[in-house]
Amino acid sequence: MDGPIDALRKKHHYGRYNIVRGLISGKGKKLLDIGCGAPASCMRDGSFLRSLGYGEGIDIVPRKIEFPFKMGSITDIPYPDRRFEVVTAIEVMEHIDNPLDAFREIHRVLKDEGMYVMSTPNNNRFFLTFWWFWEKSFGQEWHHTHLTTYTKRQWLEMIHKTGLFRIRKVVNYWGGINTIYQLEKI
């Protein structure tokens, strides 16, 4: 049985999944979830795809999920051009050191006017304070894994400068600790 910390972790992740599901509703079922592994030790691989009920997944390590899976990276997606109507990367972009390469690769595999939904920590003072306490206590599994630490404003500037996506919607989650971005391929 889950303790209170695991219950809080699950509530946080499934709450974010609900927002992402709402942003992609009405879209086709040709969906790729990048980083489809377990978001926390108390959850299973493929948790987002399972909550959605469809899609394909990639991750940099082998995963056992009930959906089509390939090993691959967000900067080297093992699919042909214009394959997906929707690509999601939930809490993935902060774990890479070259987000511009990731944006280009996602743009490549999206169909014309396809949608990319990503969520990232918003590295403001509130998040950084929360994260410091979290890493020192219950979140040790993620210690030193955030390679790209941007604020919401910095992410928005980067997205705009790429010229690859149109920003459709931006949602703050958990008081601004995380931000969810709905982007459309240009």
N, C-alpha and C. Protein backbone atom coordinates (compact mmCIF):
# COMPACT_ATOMS: atom_id res chain seq x y z
N MET A 1 0.84 -1.19 0.00
CA MET A 1 0.00 0.00 0.00
C MET A 1 0.89 1.25 0.00
N ASP A 2 0.45 2.23 -0.75
CA ASP A 2 1.21 3.48 -0.85
C ASP A 2 1.14 4.28 0.44
N GLY A 3 2.27 4.87 0.79
CA GLY A 3 2.29 5.81 1.89
C GLY A 3 1.87 7.18 1.41
N PRO A 4 1.85 8.17 2.29
CA PRO A 4 1.38 9.50 1.90
C PRO A 4 2.26 10.18 0.85
N ILE A 5 3.56 9.93 0.86
CA ILE A 5 4.44 10.55 -0.14
C ILE A 5 4.17 9.95 -1.52
N ASP A 6 4.04 8.61 -1.59
CA ASP A 6 3.73 7.99 -2.88
C ASP A 6 2.37 8.43 -3.38
N ALA A 7 1.40 8.57 -2.50
CA ALA A 7 0.08 9.05 -2.91
C ALA A 7 0.17 10.47 -3.47
N LEU A 8 0.98 11.30 -2.84
CA LEU A 8 1.18 12.67 -3.33
C LEU A 8 1.86 12.67 -4.70
N ARG A 9 2.87 11.82 -4.87
CA ARG A 9 3.54 11.71 -6.17
C ARG A 9 2.55 11.32 -7.26
N LYS A 10 1.76 10.30 -6.99
CA LYS A 10 0.78 9.84 -7.99
C LYS A 10 -0.23 10.93 -8.31
N LYS A 11 -0.71 11.61 -7.29
CA LYS A 11 -1.68 12.69 -7.51
C LYS A 11 -1.07 13.76 -8.40
N HIS A 12 0.17 14.11 -8.15
CA HIS A 12 0.86 15.12 -8.94
C HIS A 12 0.97 14.69 -10.41
N HIS A 13 1.43 13.46 -10.65
CA HIS A 13 1.62 12.99 -12.02
C HIS A 13 0.29 12.79 -12.74
N TYR A 14 -0.68 12.15 -12.09
CA TYR A 14 -1.97 11.92 -12.76
C TYR A 14 -2.73 13.22 -12.98
N GLY A 15 -2.55 14.20 -12.12
CA GLY A 15 -3.15 15.51 -12.35
C GLY A 15 -2.59 16.16 -13.60
N ARG A 16 -1.30 16.04 -13.79
CA ARG A 16 -0.66 16.57 -14.99
C ARG A 16 -1.14 15.80 -16.22
N TYR A 17 -1.26 14.48 -16.10
CA TYR A 17 -1.77 13.68 -17.22
C TYR A 17 -3.17 14.14 -17.63
N ASN A 18 -4.01 14.45 -16.65
CA ASN A 18 -5.37 14.92 -16.97
C ASN A 18 -5.34 16.20 -17.79
N ILE A 19 -4.45 17.11 -17.44
CA ILE A 19 -4.34 18.37 -18.21
C ILE A 19 -3.87 18.07 -19.63
N VAL A 20 -2.85 17.24 -19.76
CA VAL A 20 -2.33 16.90 -21.09
C VAL A 20 -3.41 16.22 -21.92
N ARG A 21 -4.15 15.28 -21.32
CA ARG A 21 -5.26 14.62 -22.04
C ARG A 21 -6.25 15.64 -22.56
N GLY A 22 -6.58 16.63 -21.74
CA GLY A 22 -7.50 17.68 -22.16
C GLY A 22 -6.96 18.50 -23.32
N LEU A 23 -5.66 18.71 -23.35
CA LEU A 23 -5.05 19.49 -24.43
C LEU A 23 -5.00 18.73 -25.75
N ILE A 24 -4.96 17.40 -25.69
CA ILE A 24 -4.87 16.62 -26.93
C ILE A 24 -6.20 15.99 -27.32
N SER A 25 -7.26 16.20 -26.56
CA SER A 25 -8.55 15.59 -26.90
C SER A 25 -9.01 16.08 -28.27
N GLY A 26 -9.65 15.19 -29.00
CA GLY A 26 -10.11 15.53 -30.33
C GLY A 26 -9.06 15.32 -31.40
N LYS A 27 -7.84 15.08 -31.00
CA LYS A 27 -6.78 14.83 -31.97
C LYS A 27 -6.80 13.35 -32.35
N GLY A 28 -6.14 13.02 -33.45
CA GLY A 28 -6.05 11.64 -33.89
C GLY A 28 -5.27 10.79 -32.91
N LYS A 29 -5.32 9.50 -33.10
CA LYS A 29 -4.67 8.60 -32.16
C LYS A 29 -3.24 8.24 -32.55
N LYS A 30 -2.67 8.92 -33.52
CA LYS A 30 -1.28 8.67 -33.88
C LYS A 30 -0.43 9.52 -32.95
N LEU A 31 -0.12 8.97 -31.77
CA LEU A 31 0.55 9.72 -30.71
C LEU A 31 1.83 9.02 -30.29
N LEU A 32 2.87 9.82 -30.06
CA LEU A 32 4.13 9.32 -29.53
C LEU A 32 4.40 9.98 -28.19
N ASP A 33 4.65 9.16 -27.17
CA ASP A 33 5.04 9.67 -25.85
C ASP A 33 6.54 9.43 -25.68
N ILE A 34 7.28 10.52 -25.57
CA ILE A 34 8.74 10.44 -25.41
C ILE A 34 9.07 10.41 -23.92
N GLY A 35 9.91 9.45 -23.53
CA GLY A 35 10.24 9.30 -22.12
C GLY A 35 9.13 8.58 -21.38
N CYS A 36 8.74 7.42 -21.91
CA CYS A 36 7.55 6.73 -21.41
C CYS A 36 7.82 5.86 -20.19
N GLY A 37 8.97 6.00 -19.59
CA GLY A 37 9.27 5.23 -18.38
C GLY A 37 8.47 5.71 -17.18
N ALA A 38 8.65 5.06 -16.07
CA ALA A 38 7.95 5.43 -14.84
C ALA A 38 8.42 6.81 -14.37
N PRO A 39 7.48 7.71 -14.08
CA PRO A 39 7.87 9.04 -13.63
C PRO A 39 8.31 9.08 -12.17
N ALA A 40 8.01 8.03 -11.44
CA ALA A 40 8.40 7.93 -10.03
C ALA A 40 8.48 6.45 -9.69
N SER A 41 9.22 6.13 -8.66
CA SER A 41 9.42 4.72 -8.30
C SER A 41 8.12 4.03 -7.89
N CYS A 42 7.12 4.79 -7.53
CA CYS A 42 5.85 4.20 -7.11
C CYS A 42 4.88 4.01 -8.28
N MET A 43 5.33 4.31 -9.50
CA MET A 43 4.47 4.19 -10.68
C MET A 43 5.12 3.26 -11.70
N ARG A 44 4.29 2.76 -12.63
CA ARG A 44 4.77 1.81 -13.62
C ARG A 44 5.22 2.51 -14.90
N ASP A 45 6.08 1.83 -15.66
CA ASP A 45 6.43 2.30 -16.99
C ASP A 45 5.15 2.44 -17.81
N GLY A 46 5.12 3.44 -18.68
CA GLY A 46 3.96 3.64 -19.54
C GLY A 46 2.75 4.22 -18.85
N SER A 47 2.93 4.85 -17.70
CA SER A 47 1.79 5.37 -16.93
C SER A 47 0.94 6.35 -17.72
N PHE A 48 1.57 7.26 -18.48
CA PHE A 48 0.77 8.22 -19.24
C PHE A 48 0.01 7.52 -20.36
N LEU A 49 0.67 6.65 -21.12
CA LEU A 49 -0.01 5.94 -22.19
C LEU A 49 -1.16 5.10 -21.64
N ARG A 50 -0.95 4.47 -20.51
CA ARG A 50 -2.01 3.67 -19.88
C ARG A 50 -3.19 4.56 -19.50
N SER A 51 -2.92 5.75 -18.99
CA SER A 51 -4.02 6.66 -18.62
C SER A 51 -4.76 7.16 -19.86
N LEU A 52 -4.06 7.22 -20.99
CA LEU A 52 -4.64 7.69 -22.25
C LEU A 52 -5.37 6.56 -22.97
N GLY A 53 -4.79 5.36 -22.92
CA GLY A 53 -5.40 4.20 -23.56
C GLY A 53 -4.91 3.94 -24.97
N TYR A 54 -3.98 4.71 -25.46
CA TYR A 54 -3.44 4.49 -26.81
C TYR A 54 -2.11 5.22 -26.96
N GLY A 55 -1.44 4.96 -28.07
CA GLY A 55 -0.20 5.65 -28.39
C GLY A 55 0.98 4.71 -28.47
N GLU A 56 2.12 5.28 -28.79
CA GLU A 56 3.39 4.57 -28.86
C GLU A 56 4.37 5.28 -27.96
N GLY A 57 5.39 4.56 -27.51
CA GLY A 57 6.35 5.17 -26.60
C GLY A 57 7.79 4.94 -27.01
N ILE A 58 8.65 5.90 -26.64
CA ILE A 58 10.10 5.70 -26.75
C ILE A 58 10.74 6.11 -25.43
N ASP A 59 11.88 5.51 -25.17
CA ASP A 59 12.67 5.87 -24.00
C ASP A 59 14.11 5.46 -24.30
N ILE A 60 15.04 6.01 -23.53
CA ILE A 60 16.46 5.71 -23.77
C ILE A 60 16.89 4.38 -23.17
N VAL A 61 16.02 3.76 -22.37
CA VAL A 61 16.29 2.43 -21.82
C VAL A 61 15.10 1.53 -22.12
N PRO A 62 15.29 0.21 -22.16
CA PRO A 62 14.17 -0.69 -22.44
C PRO A 62 13.05 -0.54 -21.41
N ARG A 63 11.82 -0.56 -21.90
CA ARG A 63 10.65 -0.46 -21.03
C ARG A 63 9.68 -1.57 -21.39
N LYS A 64 8.97 -2.09 -20.39
CA LYS A 64 7.93 -3.08 -20.63
C LYS A 64 6.59 -2.38 -20.47
N ILE A 65 5.98 -2.07 -21.61
CA ILE A 65 4.68 -1.40 -21.61
C ILE A 65 3.74 -2.15 -22.53
N GLU A 66 2.45 -1.91 -22.40
CA GLU A 66 1.43 -2.60 -23.19
C GLU A 66 1.20 -1.94 -24.54
N PHE A 67 2.03 -1.02 -24.93
CA PHE A 67 1.86 -0.25 -26.16
C PHE A 67 3.12 -0.42 -27.01
N PRO A 68 3.02 -0.15 -28.32
CA PRO A 68 4.22 -0.24 -29.15
C PRO A 68 5.35 0.61 -28.56
N PHE A 69 6.55 0.04 -28.52
CA PHE A 69 7.69 0.70 -27.88
C PHE A 69 8.94 0.54 -28.74
N LYS A 70 9.74 1.60 -28.78
CA LYS A 70 11.07 1.55 -29.39
C LYS A 70 12.03 2.28 -28.46
N MET A 71 13.26 1.79 -28.44
CA MET A 71 14.30 2.55 -27.74
C MET A 71 14.71 3.71 -28.63
N GLY A 72 14.86 4.86 -28.03
CA GLY A 72 15.25 6.03 -28.78
C GLY A 72 15.34 7.24 -27.89
N SER A 73 15.88 8.29 -28.45
CA SER A 73 16.11 9.53 -27.71
C SER A 73 15.26 10.65 -28.31
N ILE A 74 14.97 11.63 -27.52
CA ILE A 74 14.23 12.80 -27.99
C ILE A 74 15.00 13.56 -29.06
N THR A 75 16.30 13.35 -29.13
CA THR A 75 17.11 14.01 -30.16
C THR A 75 17.43 13.08 -31.33
N ASP A 76 16.93 11.86 -31.28
CA ASP A 76 17.11 10.89 -32.37
C ASP A 76 15.94 9.91 -32.33
N ILE A 77 14.78 10.39 -32.78
CA ILE A 77 13.54 9.62 -32.69
C ILE A 77 13.51 8.58 -33.81
N PRO A 78 13.34 7.29 -33.46
CA PRO A 78 13.45 6.21 -34.45
C PRO A 78 12.18 6.01 -35.29
N TYR A 79 11.67 7.07 -35.86
CA TYR A 79 10.48 7.01 -36.72
C TYR A 79 10.69 7.90 -37.93
N PRO A 80 9.95 7.63 -39.02
CA PRO A 80 10.08 8.45 -40.22
C PRO A 80 9.44 9.84 -40.05
N ASP A 81 9.74 10.71 -40.99
CA ASP A 81 9.18 12.06 -41.00
C ASP A 81 7.66 12.02 -41.03
N ARG A 82 7.04 13.00 -40.37
CA ARG A 82 5.60 13.25 -40.41
C ARG A 82 4.77 12.01 -40.06
N ARG A 83 5.17 11.30 -39.05
CA ARG A 83 4.46 10.07 -38.66
C ARG A 83 3.34 10.32 -37.66
N PHE A 84 3.50 11.31 -36.76
CA PHE A 84 2.58 11.46 -35.63
C PHE A 84 1.78 12.75 -35.71
N GLU A 85 0.53 12.66 -35.23
CA GLU A 85 -0.31 13.85 -35.11
C GLU A 85 -0.04 14.57 -33.80
N VAL A 86 0.36 13.81 -32.79
CA VAL A 86 0.64 14.36 -31.46
C VAL A 86 1.91 13.73 -30.92
N VAL A 87 2.77 14.55 -30.33
CA VAL A 87 3.94 14.07 -29.60
C VAL A 87 3.88 14.69 -28.21
N THR A 88 4.12 13.87 -27.19
CA THR A 88 4.17 14.37 -25.82
C THR A 88 5.55 14.07 -25.22
N ALA A 89 5.99 14.97 -24.37
CA ALA A 89 7.23 14.76 -23.60
C ALA A 89 6.96 15.37 -22.23
N ILE A 90 6.51 14.54 -21.32
CA ILE A 90 6.10 15.00 -19.99
C ILE A 90 7.29 14.88 -19.04
N GLU A 91 7.81 16.03 -18.65
CA GLU A 91 8.97 16.10 -17.75
C GLU A 91 10.17 15.37 -18.35
N VAL A 92 10.50 15.72 -19.59
CA VAL A 92 11.63 15.12 -20.30
C VAL A 92 12.67 16.18 -20.68
N MET A 93 12.22 17.31 -21.20
CA MET A 93 13.13 18.31 -21.76
C MET A 93 14.20 18.78 -20.77
N GLU A 94 13.89 18.79 -19.50
CA GLU A 94 14.86 19.25 -18.51
C GLU A 94 15.98 18.23 -18.28
N HIS A 95 15.81 17.01 -18.81
CA HIS A 95 16.81 15.97 -18.62
C HIS A 95 17.81 15.88 -19.77
N ILE A 96 17.72 16.80 -20.72
CA ILE A 96 18.66 16.81 -21.85
C ILE A 96 19.42 18.13 -21.86
N ASP A 97 20.57 18.13 -22.51
CA ASP A 97 21.36 19.36 -22.53
C ASP A 97 21.28 20.10 -23.87
N ASN A 98 20.45 19.62 -24.79
CA ASN A 98 20.35 20.25 -26.10
C ASN A 98 18.88 20.34 -26.56
N PRO A 99 18.08 21.16 -25.89
CA PRO A 99 16.65 21.22 -26.24
C PRO A 99 16.37 21.67 -27.67
N LEU A 100 17.22 22.47 -28.26
CA LEU A 100 16.98 22.90 -29.64
C LEU A 100 17.00 21.70 -30.59
N ASP A 101 17.93 20.78 -30.38
CA ASP A 101 17.95 19.55 -31.19
C ASP A 101 16.67 18.75 -30.99
N ALA A 102 16.17 18.71 -29.77
CA ALA A 102 14.92 17.99 -29.49
C ALA A 102 13.75 18.64 -30.22
N PHE A 103 13.65 19.97 -30.18
CA PHE A 103 12.57 20.65 -30.89
C PHE A 103 12.61 20.33 -32.38
N ARG A 104 13.79 20.32 -32.97
CA ARG A 104 13.93 20.02 -34.40
C ARG A 104 13.49 18.59 -34.72
N GLU A 105 13.87 17.66 -33.87
CA GLU A 105 13.54 16.26 -34.10
C GLU A 105 12.03 16.02 -33.93
N ILE A 106 11.43 16.63 -32.94
CA ILE A 106 9.98 16.50 -32.75
C ILE A 106 9.25 17.12 -33.94
N HIS A 107 9.71 18.26 -34.39
CA HIS A 107 9.13 18.91 -35.57
C HIS A 107 9.19 17.96 -36.77
N ARG A 108 10.28 17.25 -36.92
CA ARG A 108 10.46 16.32 -38.05
C ARG A 108 9.43 15.21 -38.05
N VAL A 109 9.14 14.61 -36.88
CA VAL A 109 8.23 13.45 -36.85
C VAL A 109 6.76 13.84 -36.76
N LEU A 110 6.47 15.12 -36.54
CA LEU A 110 5.08 15.57 -36.49
C LEU A 110 4.53 15.80 -37.89
N LYS A 111 3.27 15.42 -38.08
CA LYS A 111 2.58 15.75 -39.32
C LYS A 111 2.38 17.26 -39.38
N ASP A 112 2.08 17.78 -40.56
CA ASP A 112 1.81 19.21 -40.70
C ASP A 112 0.69 19.60 -39.75
N GLU A 113 0.88 20.71 -39.06
CA GLU A 113 -0.05 21.22 -38.05
C GLU A 113 -0.23 20.26 -36.88
N GLY A 114 0.72 19.34 -36.70
CA GLY A 114 0.67 18.43 -35.57
C GLY A 114 0.91 19.17 -34.26
N MET A 115 0.61 18.49 -33.16
CA MET A 115 0.69 19.11 -31.84
C MET A 115 1.80 18.47 -31.00
N TYR A 116 2.55 19.33 -30.33
CA TYR A 116 3.55 18.89 -29.36
C TYR A 116 3.14 19.44 -28.01
N VAL A 117 3.00 18.54 -27.02
CA VAL A 117 2.68 18.95 -25.66
C VAL A 117 3.83 18.51 -24.77
N MET A 118 4.42 19.49 -24.09
CA MET A 118 5.53 19.20 -23.19
C MET A 118 5.25 19.83 -21.83
N SER A 119 5.79 19.22 -20.81
CA SER A 119 5.75 19.85 -19.49
C SER A 119 7.16 19.85 -18.93
N THR A 120 7.45 20.91 -18.19
CA THR A 120 8.78 21.07 -17.60
C THR A 120 8.63 21.74 -16.23
N PRO A 121 9.61 21.57 -15.38
CA PRO A 121 9.63 22.39 -14.17
C PRO A 121 9.79 23.85 -14.57
N ASN A 122 9.21 24.72 -13.80
CA ASN A 122 9.40 26.16 -13.99
C ASN A 122 10.42 26.59 -12.95
N ASN A 123 11.65 26.76 -13.35
CA ASN A 123 12.74 26.97 -12.40
C ASN A 123 12.77 28.37 -11.82
N ASN A 124 11.65 28.73 -11.21
CA ASN A 124 11.58 29.99 -10.47
C ASN A 124 12.00 29.71 -9.02
N ARG A 125 11.99 30.73 -8.20
CA ARG A 125 12.43 30.55 -6.80
C ARG A 125 11.57 29.55 -6.04
N PHE A 126 10.26 29.58 -6.31
CA PHE A 126 9.35 28.65 -5.63
C PHE A 126 9.75 27.21 -5.96
N PHE A 127 9.92 26.91 -7.26
CA PHE A 127 10.31 25.56 -7.66
C PHE A 127 11.67 25.18 -7.07
N LEU A 128 12.64 26.07 -7.19
CA LEU A 128 13.99 25.74 -6.73
C LEU A 128 14.03 25.46 -5.23
N THR A 129 13.24 26.20 -4.47
CA THR A 129 13.14 25.94 -3.03
C THR A 129 12.49 24.59 -2.78
N PHE A 130 11.37 24.33 -3.46
CA PHE A 130 10.68 23.04 -3.35
C PHE A 130 11.63 21.90 -3.74
N TRP A 131 12.32 22.06 -4.87
CA TRP A 131 13.19 20.99 -5.37
C TRP A 131 14.35 20.72 -4.42
N TRP A 132 14.91 21.76 -3.82
CA TRP A 132 16.00 21.56 -2.87
C TRP A 132 15.53 20.68 -1.72
N PHE A 133 14.37 20.99 -1.13
CA PHE A 133 13.84 20.18 -0.03
C PHE A 133 13.49 18.77 -0.51
N TRP A 134 12.91 18.68 -1.71
CA TRP A 134 12.51 17.38 -2.25
C TRP A 134 13.73 16.48 -2.44
N GLU A 135 14.80 16.98 -3.04
CA GLU A 135 16.01 16.18 -3.27
C GLU A 135 16.67 15.75 -1.96
N LYS A 136 16.58 16.57 -0.94
CA LYS A 136 17.20 16.24 0.34
C LYS A 136 16.37 15.24 1.14
N SER A 137 15.13 15.01 0.70
CA SER A 137 14.28 14.09 1.47
C SER A 137 13.80 12.93 0.60
N PHE A 138 12.66 13.11 -0.07
CA PHE A 138 12.00 12.01 -0.75
C PHE A 138 12.38 11.87 -2.22
N GLY A 139 12.99 12.86 -2.81
CA GLY A 139 13.25 12.86 -4.25
C GLY A 139 14.68 12.57 -4.64
N GLN A 140 15.37 11.79 -3.82
CA GLN A 140 16.78 11.54 -4.09
C GLN A 140 17.02 10.80 -5.40
N GLU A 141 16.01 10.07 -5.90
CA GLU A 141 16.19 9.32 -7.14
C GLU A 141 16.44 10.23 -8.34
N TRP A 142 16.06 11.49 -8.25
CA TRP A 142 16.22 12.42 -9.37
C TRP A 142 17.38 13.40 -9.14
N HIS A 143 18.19 13.18 -8.14
CA HIS A 143 19.29 14.08 -7.82
C HIS A 143 20.21 14.25 -9.03
N HIS A 144 20.49 15.47 -9.37
CA HIS A 144 21.42 15.83 -10.46
C HIS A 144 20.98 15.36 -11.84
N THR A 145 19.70 15.18 -12.09
CA THR A 145 19.27 14.74 -13.42
C THR A 145 18.70 15.87 -14.26
N HIS A 146 18.51 17.04 -13.68
CA HIS A 146 18.00 18.18 -14.45
C HIS A 146 19.18 18.92 -15.07
N LEU A 147 19.35 18.75 -16.37
CA LEU A 147 20.48 19.34 -17.09
C LEU A 147 20.15 20.71 -17.67
N THR A 148 18.89 20.93 -18.01
CA THR A 148 18.43 22.20 -18.57
C THR A 148 17.47 22.82 -17.58
N THR A 149 17.86 23.91 -16.99
CA THR A 149 17.04 24.53 -15.94
C THR A 149 16.60 25.91 -16.39
N TYR A 150 15.41 25.95 -17.03
CA TYR A 150 14.87 27.20 -17.53
C TYR A 150 13.62 27.60 -16.77
N THR A 151 13.37 28.88 -16.75
CA THR A 151 12.10 29.39 -16.25
C THR A 151 11.07 29.28 -17.38
N LYS A 152 9.82 29.49 -17.05
CA LYS A 152 8.77 29.48 -18.07
C LYS A 152 9.08 30.52 -19.15
N ARG A 153 9.50 31.68 -18.74
CA ARG A 153 9.82 32.74 -19.71
C ARG A 153 10.94 32.31 -20.67
N GLN A 154 11.97 31.67 -20.13
CA GLN A 154 13.08 31.22 -20.98
C GLN A 154 12.63 30.14 -21.97
N TRP A 155 11.76 29.22 -21.52
CA TRP A 155 11.22 28.21 -22.44
C TRP A 155 10.42 28.88 -23.54
N LEU A 156 9.56 29.83 -23.18
CA LEU A 156 8.74 30.51 -24.18
C LEU A 156 9.61 31.24 -25.20
N GLU A 157 10.65 31.90 -24.73
CA GLU A 157 11.57 32.58 -25.65
C GLU A 157 12.25 31.59 -26.59
N MET A 158 12.69 30.46 -26.06
CA MET A 158 13.35 29.46 -26.90
C MET A 158 12.38 28.91 -27.95
N ILE A 159 11.16 28.58 -27.52
CA ILE A 159 10.16 28.05 -28.46
C ILE A 159 9.92 29.06 -29.58
N HIS A 160 9.75 30.31 -29.22
CA HIS A 160 9.50 31.35 -30.21
C HIS A 160 10.68 31.48 -31.18
N LYS A 161 11.89 31.47 -30.65
CA LYS A 161 13.09 31.66 -31.48
C LYS A 161 13.32 30.50 -32.45
N THR A 162 12.84 29.30 -32.12
CA THR A 162 13.05 28.16 -33.03
C THR A 162 12.33 28.38 -34.35
N GLY A 163 11.20 29.07 -34.31
CA GLY A 163 10.39 29.24 -35.51
C GLY A 163 9.72 27.96 -35.97
N LEU A 164 9.74 26.93 -35.15
CA LEU A 164 9.19 25.63 -35.52
C LEU A 164 7.76 25.41 -35.04
N PHE A 165 7.37 26.13 -33.98
CA PHE A 165 6.08 25.89 -33.34
C PHE A 165 5.37 27.19 -33.03
N ARG A 166 4.06 27.12 -33.06
CA ARG A 166 3.20 28.21 -32.61
C ARG A 166 2.71 27.83 -31.21
N ILE A 167 2.81 28.74 -30.28
CA ILE A 167 2.36 28.48 -28.91
C ILE A 167 0.84 28.62 -28.88
N ARG A 168 0.16 27.54 -28.55
CA ARG A 168 -1.31 27.53 -28.48
C ARG A 168 -1.82 27.81 -27.07
N LYS A 169 -1.20 27.18 -26.10
CA LYS A 169 -1.69 27.33 -24.72
C LYS A 169 -0.54 27.03 -23.77
N VAL A 170 -0.54 27.75 -22.64
CA VAL A 170 0.44 27.53 -21.58
C VAL A 170 -0.34 27.39 -20.28
N VAL A 171 -0.11 26.30 -19.56
CA VAL A 171 -0.84 26.02 -18.32
C VAL A 171 0.15 25.90 -17.17
N ASN A 172 -0.04 26.68 -16.13
CA ASN A 172 0.74 26.52 -14.90
C ASN A 172 0.11 25.42 -14.07
N TYR A 173 0.95 24.58 -13.49
CA TYR A 173 0.45 23.46 -12.71
C TYR A 173 1.10 23.49 -11.33
N TRP A 174 0.34 23.16 -10.34
CA TRP A 174 0.76 23.14 -8.94
C TRP A 174 1.40 24.46 -8.54
N GLY A 175 0.67 25.52 -8.71
CA GLY A 175 1.14 26.83 -8.29
C GLY A 175 2.34 27.33 -9.06
N GLY A 176 2.53 26.82 -10.26
CA GLY A 176 3.65 27.26 -11.09
C GLY A 176 4.91 26.45 -10.92
N ILE A 177 4.86 25.35 -10.17
CA ILE A 177 6.03 24.47 -10.06
C ILE A 177 6.35 23.87 -11.43
N ASN A 178 5.31 23.47 -12.15
CA ASN A 178 5.46 22.93 -13.50
C ASN A 178 4.68 23.78 -14.48
N THR A 179 5.11 23.74 -15.73
CA THR A 179 4.39 24.42 -16.80
C THR A 179 4.17 23.43 -17.93
N ILE A 180 2.97 23.45 -18.50
CA ILE A 180 2.60 22.58 -19.62
C ILE A 180 2.39 23.48 -20.83
N TYR A 181 3.02 23.11 -21.94
CA TYR A 181 2.98 23.91 -23.17
C TYR A 181 2.30 23.11 -24.27
N GLN A 182 1.30 23.70 -24.90
CA GLN A 182 0.66 23.11 -26.07
C GLN A 182 1.16 23.88 -27.29
N LEU A 183 1.86 23.18 -28.17
CA LEU A 183 2.50 23.82 -29.32
C LEU A 183 1.98 23.19 -30.61
N GLU A 184 1.88 24.00 -31.65
CA GLU A 184 1.45 23.50 -32.96
C GLU A 184 2.60 23.67 -33.95
N LYS A 185 2.84 22.63 -34.73
CA LYS A 185 3.90 22.67 -35.74
C LYS A 185 3.57 23.72 -36.79
N ILE A 186 4.56 24.53 -37.12
CA ILE A 186 4.41 25.54 -38.17
C ILE A 186 4.97 24.95 -39.46
